[in-house]
N, C-alpha and C. Protein backbone atom coordinates (compact mmCIF):
# COMPACT_ATOMS: atom_id res chain seq x y z
N UNK A 1 4.95 -8.94 3.31
CA UNK A 1 5.23 -9.87 4.40
C UNK A 1 5.47 -11.26 3.80
N UNK A 2 6.64 -11.81 4.05
CA UNK A 2 6.98 -13.13 3.53
C UNK A 2 6.20 -14.21 4.27
N UNK A 3 5.86 -15.24 3.56
CA UNK A 3 5.12 -16.35 4.15
C UNK A 3 6.08 -17.21 4.96
N UNK A 4 5.72 -17.45 6.21
CA UNK A 4 6.52 -18.34 7.06
C UNK A 4 6.44 -19.76 6.53
N UNK A 5 7.46 -20.51 6.82
CA UNK A 5 7.42 -21.92 6.46
C UNK A 5 7.10 -22.78 7.68
N UNK A 6 6.98 -22.18 8.83
CA UNK A 6 6.65 -22.89 10.05
C UNK A 6 7.13 -22.11 11.25
N UNK A 7 6.81 -22.63 12.40
CA UNK A 7 7.24 -22.01 13.65
C UNK A 7 8.66 -22.45 14.00
N UNK A 8 9.40 -21.59 14.69
CA UNK A 8 10.71 -22.03 15.17
C UNK A 8 10.54 -23.17 16.19
N UNK A 9 11.54 -24.01 16.28
CA UNK A 9 11.46 -25.16 17.20
C UNK A 9 11.18 -24.74 18.64
N UNK A 10 11.64 -23.57 19.05
CA UNK A 10 11.41 -23.11 20.43
C UNK A 10 9.93 -22.90 20.73
N UNK A 11 9.12 -22.73 19.69
CA UNK A 11 7.68 -22.54 19.88
C UNK A 11 6.89 -23.81 19.63
N UNK A 12 7.59 -24.87 19.29
CA UNK A 12 6.93 -26.15 19.03
C UNK A 12 7.27 -27.17 20.12
N UNK A 13 7.70 -26.68 21.27
CA UNK A 13 8.19 -27.57 22.33
C UNK A 13 7.13 -28.51 22.87
N UNK A 14 5.90 -28.09 22.93
CA UNK A 14 4.85 -28.96 23.48
C UNK A 14 4.43 -30.05 22.49
N UNK A 15 4.80 -29.89 21.23
CA UNK A 15 4.45 -30.91 20.24
C UNK A 15 5.15 -32.23 20.48
N UNK A 16 6.28 -32.21 21.18
CA UNK A 16 6.98 -33.46 21.50
C UNK A 16 6.09 -34.36 22.37
N UNK A 17 5.37 -33.73 23.30
CA UNK A 17 4.48 -34.49 24.19
C UNK A 17 3.07 -34.67 23.60
N UNK A 18 2.69 -33.78 22.69
CA UNK A 18 1.34 -33.80 22.11
C UNK A 18 1.43 -33.66 20.59
N UNK A 19 2.00 -34.68 19.92
CA UNK A 19 2.19 -34.57 18.46
C UNK A 19 0.85 -34.57 17.72
N UNK A 20 0.86 -33.89 16.60
CA UNK A 20 -0.32 -33.73 15.76
C UNK A 20 -0.97 -35.06 15.38
N UNK A 21 -0.16 -36.08 15.12
CA UNK A 21 -0.73 -37.36 14.68
C UNK A 21 -1.50 -38.08 15.78
N UNK A 22 -1.40 -37.62 17.02
CA UNK A 22 -2.18 -38.22 18.11
C UNK A 22 -3.40 -37.41 18.51
N UNK A 23 -3.59 -36.26 17.88
CA UNK A 23 -4.70 -35.40 18.29
C UNK A 23 -6.05 -36.08 18.10
N UNK A 24 -6.22 -36.82 17.03
CA UNK A 24 -7.52 -37.46 16.81
C UNK A 24 -7.90 -38.39 17.95
N UNK A 25 -6.89 -39.01 18.56
CA UNK A 25 -7.19 -39.95 19.65
C UNK A 25 -7.16 -39.29 21.03
N UNK A 26 -6.63 -38.06 21.13
CA UNK A 26 -6.50 -37.43 22.45
C UNK A 26 -7.40 -36.21 22.64
N UNK A 27 -7.88 -35.63 21.55
CA UNK A 27 -8.75 -34.45 21.67
C UNK A 27 -10.16 -34.92 22.00
N UNK A 28 -10.71 -34.42 23.11
CA UNK A 28 -12.09 -34.79 23.46
C UNK A 28 -13.06 -34.44 22.32
N UNK A 29 -14.02 -35.31 22.06
CA UNK A 29 -14.91 -35.09 20.91
C UNK A 29 -15.87 -33.92 21.06
N UNK A 30 -16.10 -33.46 22.28
CA UNK A 30 -17.10 -32.42 22.48
C UNK A 30 -16.57 -31.23 23.27
N UNK A 31 -15.27 -31.02 23.25
CA UNK A 31 -14.70 -29.94 24.04
C UNK A 31 -14.25 -28.76 23.19
N UNK A 32 -13.61 -27.82 23.87
CA UNK A 32 -13.12 -26.59 23.25
C UNK A 32 -12.13 -26.89 22.13
N UNK A 33 -11.24 -27.85 22.36
CA UNK A 33 -10.21 -28.15 21.36
C UNK A 33 -10.83 -28.68 20.08
N UNK A 34 -11.78 -29.60 20.19
CA UNK A 34 -12.45 -30.13 19.01
C UNK A 34 -13.21 -29.03 18.29
N UNK A 35 -13.89 -28.18 19.04
CA UNK A 35 -14.62 -27.07 18.45
C UNK A 35 -13.65 -26.18 17.67
N UNK A 36 -12.50 -25.88 18.28
CA UNK A 36 -11.49 -25.02 17.67
C UNK A 36 -11.00 -25.63 16.35
N UNK A 37 -10.64 -26.91 16.41
CA UNK A 37 -10.15 -27.59 15.20
C UNK A 37 -11.23 -27.67 14.13
N UNK A 38 -12.47 -27.90 14.55
CA UNK A 38 -13.57 -27.95 13.58
C UNK A 38 -13.78 -26.60 12.90
N UNK A 39 -13.58 -25.51 13.63
CA UNK A 39 -13.68 -24.18 13.02
C UNK A 39 -12.62 -24.03 11.95
N UNK A 40 -11.42 -24.48 12.25
CA UNK A 40 -10.34 -24.39 11.26
C UNK A 40 -10.65 -25.23 10.02
N UNK A 41 -11.23 -26.40 10.24
CA UNK A 41 -11.64 -27.25 9.11
C UNK A 41 -12.69 -26.52 8.27
N UNK A 42 -13.63 -25.86 8.93
CA UNK A 42 -14.66 -25.12 8.23
C UNK A 42 -14.05 -23.99 7.40
N UNK A 43 -13.09 -23.25 7.97
CA UNK A 43 -12.46 -22.16 7.22
C UNK A 43 -11.77 -22.70 5.96
N UNK A 44 -11.04 -23.79 6.13
CA UNK A 44 -10.33 -24.38 4.99
C UNK A 44 -11.32 -24.89 3.94
N UNK A 45 -12.42 -25.47 4.38
CA UNK A 45 -13.43 -25.99 3.47
C UNK A 45 -14.10 -24.87 2.68
N UNK A 46 -14.49 -23.81 3.36
CA UNK A 46 -15.11 -22.67 2.67
C UNK A 46 -14.15 -22.06 1.66
N UNK A 47 -12.90 -21.93 2.04
CA UNK A 47 -11.91 -21.39 1.13
C UNK A 47 -11.75 -22.28 -0.10
N UNK A 48 -11.70 -23.58 0.11
CA UNK A 48 -11.57 -24.52 -1.01
C UNK A 48 -12.78 -24.44 -1.94
N UNK A 49 -13.96 -24.30 -1.36
CA UNK A 49 -15.16 -24.17 -2.17
C UNK A 49 -15.12 -22.90 -3.01
N UNK A 50 -14.69 -21.80 -2.39
CA UNK A 50 -14.59 -20.54 -3.13
C UNK A 50 -13.56 -20.65 -4.24
N UNK A 51 -12.44 -21.31 -3.95
CA UNK A 51 -11.40 -21.50 -4.97
C UNK A 51 -11.95 -22.30 -6.15
N UNK A 52 -12.70 -23.35 -5.85
CA UNK A 52 -13.30 -24.17 -6.91
C UNK A 52 -14.27 -23.34 -7.76
N UNK A 53 -15.13 -22.59 -7.11
CA UNK A 53 -16.11 -21.77 -7.84
C UNK A 53 -15.40 -20.74 -8.71
N UNK A 54 -14.40 -20.06 -8.17
CA UNK A 54 -13.68 -19.04 -8.94
C UNK A 54 -12.94 -19.67 -10.12
N UNK A 55 -12.33 -20.82 -9.89
CA UNK A 55 -11.60 -21.52 -10.95
C UNK A 55 -12.55 -21.94 -12.07
N UNK A 56 -13.70 -22.52 -11.69
CA UNK A 56 -14.67 -22.95 -12.69
C UNK A 56 -15.26 -21.75 -13.44
N UNK A 57 -15.52 -20.70 -12.71
CA UNK A 57 -16.07 -19.50 -13.34
C UNK A 57 -15.06 -18.90 -14.32
N UNK A 58 -13.81 -18.83 -13.90
CA UNK A 58 -12.76 -18.28 -14.76
C UNK A 58 -12.56 -19.15 -16.01
N UNK A 59 -12.66 -20.45 -15.84
CA UNK A 59 -12.47 -21.38 -16.96
C UNK A 59 -13.70 -21.47 -17.85
N UNK A 60 -14.79 -20.83 -17.44
CA UNK A 60 -16.02 -20.93 -18.22
C UNK A 60 -16.72 -22.26 -18.04
N UNK A 61 -16.37 -22.98 -16.97
CA UNK A 61 -16.92 -24.32 -16.73
C UNK A 61 -18.11 -24.30 -15.77
N UNK A 62 -18.55 -23.11 -15.39
CA UNK A 62 -19.68 -23.00 -14.47
C UNK A 62 -20.58 -21.87 -14.94
N UNK A 63 -21.90 -22.06 -14.84
CA UNK A 63 -22.79 -20.95 -15.17
C UNK A 63 -22.54 -19.79 -14.19
N UNK A 64 -22.40 -18.58 -14.70
CA UNK A 64 -22.00 -17.46 -13.85
C UNK A 64 -22.93 -17.17 -12.67
N UNK A 65 -24.22 -17.10 -12.88
CA UNK A 65 -25.11 -16.68 -11.80
C UNK A 65 -25.03 -17.60 -10.58
N UNK A 66 -25.19 -18.93 -10.73
CA UNK A 66 -25.10 -19.78 -9.53
C UNK A 66 -23.70 -19.77 -8.90
N UNK A 67 -22.67 -19.68 -9.73
CA UNK A 67 -21.31 -19.66 -9.18
C UNK A 67 -21.07 -18.39 -8.38
N UNK A 68 -21.52 -17.27 -8.89
CA UNK A 68 -21.35 -16.01 -8.18
C UNK A 68 -22.17 -16.00 -6.89
N UNK A 69 -23.38 -16.53 -6.93
CA UNK A 69 -24.18 -16.64 -5.69
C UNK A 69 -23.47 -17.51 -4.66
N UNK A 70 -22.89 -18.63 -5.12
CA UNK A 70 -22.17 -19.51 -4.20
C UNK A 70 -20.97 -18.80 -3.59
N UNK A 71 -20.20 -18.09 -4.41
CA UNK A 71 -19.04 -17.35 -3.90
C UNK A 71 -19.49 -16.32 -2.89
N UNK A 72 -20.56 -15.58 -3.18
CA UNK A 72 -21.06 -14.56 -2.26
C UNK A 72 -21.45 -15.19 -0.92
N UNK A 73 -22.15 -16.29 -0.97
CA UNK A 73 -22.59 -16.98 0.26
C UNK A 73 -21.39 -17.50 1.06
N UNK A 74 -20.47 -18.16 0.36
CA UNK A 74 -19.28 -18.72 1.04
C UNK A 74 -18.42 -17.60 1.62
N UNK A 75 -18.25 -16.53 0.87
CA UNK A 75 -17.43 -15.41 1.34
C UNK A 75 -18.07 -14.75 2.56
N UNK A 76 -19.39 -14.59 2.55
CA UNK A 76 -20.07 -13.98 3.69
C UNK A 76 -19.85 -14.79 4.96
N UNK A 77 -19.96 -16.10 4.83
CA UNK A 77 -19.75 -16.97 5.99
C UNK A 77 -18.30 -16.92 6.43
N UNK A 78 -17.38 -17.09 5.48
CA UNK A 78 -15.96 -17.12 5.81
C UNK A 78 -15.51 -15.82 6.46
N UNK A 79 -15.85 -14.69 5.87
CA UNK A 79 -15.42 -13.41 6.41
C UNK A 79 -15.99 -13.17 7.80
N UNK A 80 -17.27 -13.41 7.96
CA UNK A 80 -17.92 -13.20 9.25
C UNK A 80 -17.34 -14.10 10.32
N UNK A 81 -17.22 -15.37 10.00
CA UNK A 81 -16.73 -16.33 10.99
C UNK A 81 -15.26 -16.09 11.34
N UNK A 82 -14.44 -15.74 10.36
CA UNK A 82 -13.03 -15.47 10.66
C UNK A 82 -12.88 -14.23 11.53
N UNK A 83 -13.62 -13.16 11.21
CA UNK A 83 -13.55 -11.96 12.05
C UNK A 83 -13.92 -12.31 13.49
N UNK A 84 -15.02 -13.01 13.67
CA UNK A 84 -15.47 -13.36 15.02
C UNK A 84 -14.51 -14.30 15.73
N UNK A 85 -14.02 -15.29 15.01
CA UNK A 85 -13.09 -16.27 15.57
C UNK A 85 -11.83 -15.59 16.09
N UNK A 86 -11.26 -14.73 15.27
CA UNK A 86 -10.01 -14.10 15.68
C UNK A 86 -10.22 -13.05 16.76
N UNK A 87 -11.36 -12.42 16.76
CA UNK A 87 -11.65 -11.44 17.81
C UNK A 87 -11.71 -12.13 19.18
N UNK A 88 -12.42 -13.25 19.26
CA UNK A 88 -12.52 -13.94 20.54
C UNK A 88 -11.18 -14.53 20.96
N UNK A 89 -10.38 -14.95 19.98
CA UNK A 89 -9.04 -15.44 20.32
C UNK A 89 -8.21 -14.31 20.93
N UNK A 90 -8.21 -13.15 20.26
CA UNK A 90 -7.39 -12.02 20.72
C UNK A 90 -7.82 -11.51 22.09
N UNK A 91 -9.12 -11.43 22.31
CA UNK A 91 -9.62 -10.83 23.54
C UNK A 91 -9.76 -11.81 24.70
N UNK A 92 -9.94 -13.08 24.39
CA UNK A 92 -10.29 -14.03 25.44
C UNK A 92 -9.30 -15.19 25.55
N UNK A 93 -9.21 -15.99 24.50
CA UNK A 93 -8.43 -17.22 24.59
C UNK A 93 -6.92 -17.01 24.68
N UNK A 94 -6.37 -16.20 23.77
CA UNK A 94 -4.91 -16.07 23.74
C UNK A 94 -4.33 -15.53 25.04
N UNK A 95 -4.94 -14.52 25.66
CA UNK A 95 -4.37 -14.07 26.95
C UNK A 95 -4.35 -15.18 28.00
N UNK A 96 -5.41 -15.98 28.06
CA UNK A 96 -5.45 -17.09 29.02
C UNK A 96 -4.39 -18.14 28.71
N UNK A 97 -4.29 -18.50 27.43
CA UNK A 97 -3.34 -19.54 27.03
C UNK A 97 -1.90 -19.07 27.19
N UNK A 98 -1.63 -17.82 26.88
CA UNK A 98 -0.27 -17.28 27.04
C UNK A 98 0.12 -17.27 28.51
N UNK A 99 -0.83 -17.02 29.39
CA UNK A 99 -0.53 -17.04 30.82
C UNK A 99 -0.21 -18.46 31.30
N UNK A 100 -0.82 -19.46 30.68
CA UNK A 100 -0.55 -20.85 31.05
C UNK A 100 0.83 -21.30 30.60
N UNK A 101 1.31 -20.78 29.50
CA UNK A 101 2.61 -21.17 28.93
C UNK A 101 3.40 -19.92 28.52
N UNK A 102 3.96 -19.21 29.51
CA UNK A 102 4.68 -17.96 29.20
C UNK A 102 5.84 -18.15 28.23
N UNK A 103 6.42 -19.34 28.20
CA UNK A 103 7.55 -19.58 27.29
C UNK A 103 7.11 -19.55 25.82
N UNK A 104 5.81 -19.59 25.58
CA UNK A 104 5.30 -19.54 24.21
C UNK A 104 4.76 -18.14 23.86
N UNK A 105 5.13 -17.16 24.68
CA UNK A 105 4.67 -15.79 24.44
C UNK A 105 5.00 -15.28 23.06
N UNK A 106 6.18 -15.60 22.56
CA UNK A 106 6.56 -15.16 21.21
C UNK A 106 5.64 -15.77 20.16
N UNK A 107 5.14 -16.96 20.41
CA UNK A 107 4.20 -17.58 19.49
C UNK A 107 2.89 -16.82 19.42
N UNK A 108 2.42 -16.36 20.57
CA UNK A 108 1.19 -15.58 20.58
C UNK A 108 1.40 -14.21 19.94
N UNK A 109 2.62 -13.68 20.03
CA UNK A 109 2.93 -12.43 19.32
C UNK A 109 2.86 -12.65 17.81
N UNK A 110 3.36 -13.79 17.35
CA UNK A 110 3.27 -14.12 15.92
C UNK A 110 1.81 -14.25 15.49
N UNK A 111 1.02 -14.95 16.30
CA UNK A 111 -0.39 -15.12 15.96
C UNK A 111 -1.13 -13.78 15.96
N UNK A 112 -0.79 -12.91 16.90
CA UNK A 112 -1.39 -11.58 16.96
C UNK A 112 -1.03 -10.78 15.71
N UNK A 113 0.24 -10.83 15.32
CA UNK A 113 0.65 -10.13 14.09
C UNK A 113 -0.09 -10.70 12.88
N UNK A 114 -0.28 -12.00 12.87
CA UNK A 114 -1.06 -12.62 11.79
C UNK A 114 -2.48 -12.07 11.76
N UNK A 115 -3.08 -11.93 12.92
CA UNK A 115 -4.45 -11.43 12.97
C UNK A 115 -4.54 -10.01 12.41
N UNK A 116 -3.53 -9.19 12.70
CA UNK A 116 -3.51 -7.84 12.14
C UNK A 116 -3.34 -7.89 10.62
N UNK A 117 -2.44 -8.74 10.15
CA UNK A 117 -2.24 -8.89 8.70
C UNK A 117 -3.48 -9.49 8.05
N UNK A 118 -4.15 -10.37 8.77
CA UNK A 118 -5.34 -11.02 8.24
C UNK A 118 -6.44 -10.01 7.92
N UNK A 119 -6.51 -8.93 8.69
CA UNK A 119 -7.52 -7.91 8.42
C UNK A 119 -7.37 -7.36 7.00
N UNK A 120 -6.13 -7.11 6.59
CA UNK A 120 -5.90 -6.63 5.23
C UNK A 120 -6.28 -7.67 4.19
N UNK A 121 -5.95 -8.93 4.46
CA UNK A 121 -6.32 -10.01 3.55
C UNK A 121 -7.84 -10.13 3.44
N UNK A 122 -8.53 -10.03 4.56
CA UNK A 122 -9.99 -10.15 4.54
C UNK A 122 -10.63 -8.99 3.79
N UNK A 123 -10.10 -7.78 4.00
CA UNK A 123 -10.62 -6.62 3.29
C UNK A 123 -10.40 -6.78 1.78
N UNK A 124 -9.21 -7.23 1.39
CA UNK A 124 -8.91 -7.42 -0.03
C UNK A 124 -9.80 -8.52 -0.63
N UNK A 125 -10.04 -9.57 0.14
CA UNK A 125 -10.91 -10.64 -0.34
C UNK A 125 -12.33 -10.13 -0.50
N UNK A 126 -12.82 -9.37 0.47
CA UNK A 126 -14.17 -8.80 0.37
C UNK A 126 -14.29 -7.90 -0.86
N UNK A 127 -13.26 -7.13 -1.13
CA UNK A 127 -13.26 -6.26 -2.31
C UNK A 127 -13.30 -7.08 -3.59
N UNK A 128 -12.50 -8.13 -3.66
CA UNK A 128 -12.47 -8.98 -4.86
C UNK A 128 -13.81 -9.67 -5.08
N UNK A 129 -14.42 -10.13 -4.01
CA UNK A 129 -15.75 -10.76 -4.12
C UNK A 129 -16.78 -9.72 -4.56
N UNK A 130 -16.72 -8.54 -3.95
CA UNK A 130 -17.65 -7.48 -4.34
C UNK A 130 -17.50 -7.08 -5.79
N UNK A 131 -16.27 -7.06 -6.29
CA UNK A 131 -16.04 -6.75 -7.70
C UNK A 131 -16.66 -7.81 -8.59
N UNK A 132 -16.50 -9.07 -8.22
CA UNK A 132 -17.11 -10.15 -9.00
C UNK A 132 -18.63 -10.04 -8.99
N UNK A 133 -19.19 -9.81 -7.82
CA UNK A 133 -20.65 -9.72 -7.70
C UNK A 133 -21.19 -8.58 -8.55
N UNK A 134 -20.48 -7.45 -8.57
CA UNK A 134 -20.97 -6.28 -9.29
C UNK A 134 -20.55 -6.22 -10.75
N UNK A 135 -19.78 -7.21 -11.20
CA UNK A 135 -19.26 -7.16 -12.57
C UNK A 135 -20.36 -7.39 -13.60
N UNK A 136 -20.27 -6.63 -14.66
CA UNK A 136 -21.14 -6.87 -15.82
C UNK A 136 -20.73 -8.20 -16.44
N UNK A 137 -21.62 -8.86 -17.16
CA UNK A 137 -21.28 -10.18 -17.72
C UNK A 137 -19.96 -10.22 -18.49
N UNK A 138 -19.67 -9.18 -19.25
CA UNK A 138 -18.43 -9.20 -20.04
C UNK A 138 -17.18 -9.02 -19.17
N UNK A 139 -17.34 -8.59 -17.93
CA UNK A 139 -16.19 -8.40 -17.03
C UNK A 139 -16.07 -9.51 -15.99
N UNK A 140 -16.99 -10.45 -15.98
CA UNK A 140 -16.99 -11.50 -14.95
C UNK A 140 -15.77 -12.41 -15.06
N UNK A 141 -15.34 -12.71 -16.26
CA UNK A 141 -14.17 -13.58 -16.45
C UNK A 141 -12.94 -12.96 -15.78
N UNK A 142 -12.67 -11.69 -16.06
CA UNK A 142 -11.51 -11.02 -15.46
C UNK A 142 -11.66 -10.90 -13.95
N UNK A 143 -12.87 -10.59 -13.49
CA UNK A 143 -13.10 -10.48 -12.04
C UNK A 143 -12.90 -11.83 -11.36
N UNK A 144 -13.31 -12.90 -12.02
CA UNK A 144 -13.09 -14.25 -11.46
C UNK A 144 -11.60 -14.56 -11.40
N UNK A 145 -10.85 -14.14 -12.40
CA UNK A 145 -9.40 -14.34 -12.39
C UNK A 145 -8.73 -13.57 -11.26
N UNK A 146 -9.17 -12.34 -11.04
CA UNK A 146 -8.60 -11.55 -9.93
C UNK A 146 -8.97 -12.17 -8.58
N UNK A 147 -10.19 -12.66 -8.48
CA UNK A 147 -10.60 -13.33 -7.24
C UNK A 147 -9.77 -14.59 -7.03
N UNK A 148 -9.56 -15.33 -8.08
CA UNK A 148 -8.75 -16.55 -7.98
C UNK A 148 -7.34 -16.22 -7.48
N UNK A 149 -6.73 -15.17 -8.02
CA UNK A 149 -5.39 -14.76 -7.57
C UNK A 149 -5.41 -14.32 -6.10
N UNK A 150 -6.45 -13.59 -5.72
CA UNK A 150 -6.59 -13.14 -4.32
C UNK A 150 -6.74 -14.34 -3.40
N UNK A 151 -7.56 -15.31 -3.79
CA UNK A 151 -7.77 -16.50 -2.98
C UNK A 151 -6.48 -17.30 -2.83
N UNK A 152 -5.65 -17.35 -3.87
CA UNK A 152 -4.36 -18.04 -3.77
C UNK A 152 -3.49 -17.39 -2.70
N UNK A 153 -3.38 -16.07 -2.73
CA UNK A 153 -2.55 -15.36 -1.74
C UNK A 153 -3.13 -15.53 -0.34
N UNK A 154 -4.43 -15.33 -0.24
CA UNK A 154 -5.11 -15.44 1.04
C UNK A 154 -5.02 -16.86 1.60
N UNK A 155 -5.23 -17.84 0.73
CA UNK A 155 -5.24 -19.24 1.16
C UNK A 155 -3.90 -19.66 1.75
N UNK A 156 -2.81 -19.27 1.11
CA UNK A 156 -1.49 -19.61 1.64
C UNK A 156 -1.26 -19.00 3.00
N UNK A 157 -1.63 -17.73 3.14
CA UNK A 157 -1.46 -17.05 4.42
C UNK A 157 -2.34 -17.68 5.49
N UNK A 158 -3.61 -17.91 5.17
CA UNK A 158 -4.54 -18.45 6.16
C UNK A 158 -4.13 -19.85 6.60
N UNK A 159 -3.76 -20.69 5.66
CA UNK A 159 -3.38 -22.05 6.03
C UNK A 159 -2.15 -22.06 6.95
N UNK A 160 -1.16 -21.24 6.63
CA UNK A 160 0.04 -21.16 7.48
C UNK A 160 -0.35 -20.70 8.88
N UNK A 161 -1.20 -19.69 8.95
CA UNK A 161 -1.62 -19.17 10.25
C UNK A 161 -2.38 -20.23 11.05
N UNK A 162 -3.34 -20.88 10.42
CA UNK A 162 -4.13 -21.88 11.13
C UNK A 162 -3.26 -23.04 11.60
N UNK A 163 -2.36 -23.48 10.76
CA UNK A 163 -1.46 -24.58 11.11
C UNK A 163 -0.60 -24.19 12.32
N UNK A 164 -0.01 -23.00 12.27
CA UNK A 164 0.84 -22.54 13.38
C UNK A 164 0.01 -22.36 14.65
N UNK A 165 -1.18 -21.81 14.50
CA UNK A 165 -2.05 -21.62 15.66
C UNK A 165 -2.38 -22.96 16.31
N UNK A 166 -2.67 -23.95 15.48
CA UNK A 166 -2.97 -25.29 16.02
C UNK A 166 -1.77 -25.85 16.78
N UNK A 167 -0.57 -25.65 16.23
CA UNK A 167 0.62 -26.21 16.87
C UNK A 167 0.96 -25.52 18.19
N UNK A 168 0.47 -24.32 18.40
CA UNK A 168 0.68 -23.64 19.67
C UNK A 168 -0.47 -23.94 20.62
N UNK A 169 -1.69 -23.77 20.16
CA UNK A 169 -2.87 -23.82 21.03
C UNK A 169 -3.25 -25.24 21.46
N UNK A 170 -3.33 -26.16 20.52
CA UNK A 170 -3.83 -27.50 20.85
C UNK A 170 -2.98 -28.18 21.92
N UNK A 171 -1.66 -28.16 21.81
CA UNK A 171 -0.87 -28.79 22.89
C UNK A 171 -1.07 -28.12 24.25
N UNK A 172 -1.28 -26.81 24.27
CA UNK A 172 -1.53 -26.14 25.56
C UNK A 172 -2.84 -26.64 26.15
N UNK A 173 -3.87 -26.71 25.33
CA UNK A 173 -5.16 -27.19 25.82
C UNK A 173 -5.08 -28.64 26.28
N UNK A 174 -4.36 -29.47 25.55
CA UNK A 174 -4.22 -30.87 25.95
C UNK A 174 -3.40 -31.00 27.23
N UNK A 175 -2.43 -30.16 27.39
CA UNK A 175 -1.57 -30.24 28.59
C UNK A 175 -2.27 -29.71 29.84
N UNK A 176 -2.98 -28.60 29.69
CA UNK A 176 -3.54 -27.93 30.86
C UNK A 176 -5.02 -28.22 31.09
N UNK A 177 -5.65 -28.83 30.12
CA UNK A 177 -7.08 -29.14 30.27
C UNK A 177 -7.93 -28.04 29.69
N UNK A 178 -9.00 -28.46 29.08
CA UNK A 178 -9.88 -27.53 28.39
C UNK A 178 -10.69 -26.66 29.32
N UNK A 179 -10.87 -27.08 30.55
CA UNK A 179 -11.69 -26.33 31.49
C UNK A 179 -11.07 -25.00 31.90
N UNK A 180 -9.80 -24.81 31.56
CA UNK A 180 -9.14 -23.57 31.93
C UNK A 180 -9.49 -22.41 31.03
N UNK A 181 -10.03 -22.71 29.87
CA UNK A 181 -10.49 -21.65 28.96
C UNK A 181 -11.95 -21.91 28.64
N UNK A 182 -12.64 -20.89 28.30
CA UNK A 182 -14.03 -21.09 27.92
C UNK A 182 -14.88 -19.92 28.23
């Protein structure tokens, strides 16, 4: 599956009225939209931390035991939270939001396809982390390199998905009000 470079303009129509650079001043600080964006920030942060740990471990710049423990902890949180986040989106939020903006139905189809593809990425990431955790000391370097490569592929896919999801969902919530979902 080729990595998208962005959404088609037909799915970015609400961004004209609710551009990304105004979200900080228009998103309520304690509502659904802020919570949603904060979850995305958390996913990106956990991924960046895992990338740093894998890179340092591969380069021999980090003691293996604490780095592997950190990767295990970060991966457990990231995998669990992403599974839960996308499940609630698929079952609860996306159907409500798609009903509010039927012209963006194709965007929700893209996000749904991403969620299905994400399952494979999450499984592959879990396998790579498990391989690193179970690696004998002499195999940790190679396992860290494989994890690093997996994180690169996963990170590009996840960031594209989160960015596209934000460009579809946040303008809908700002336009229709957060009280309509929850």
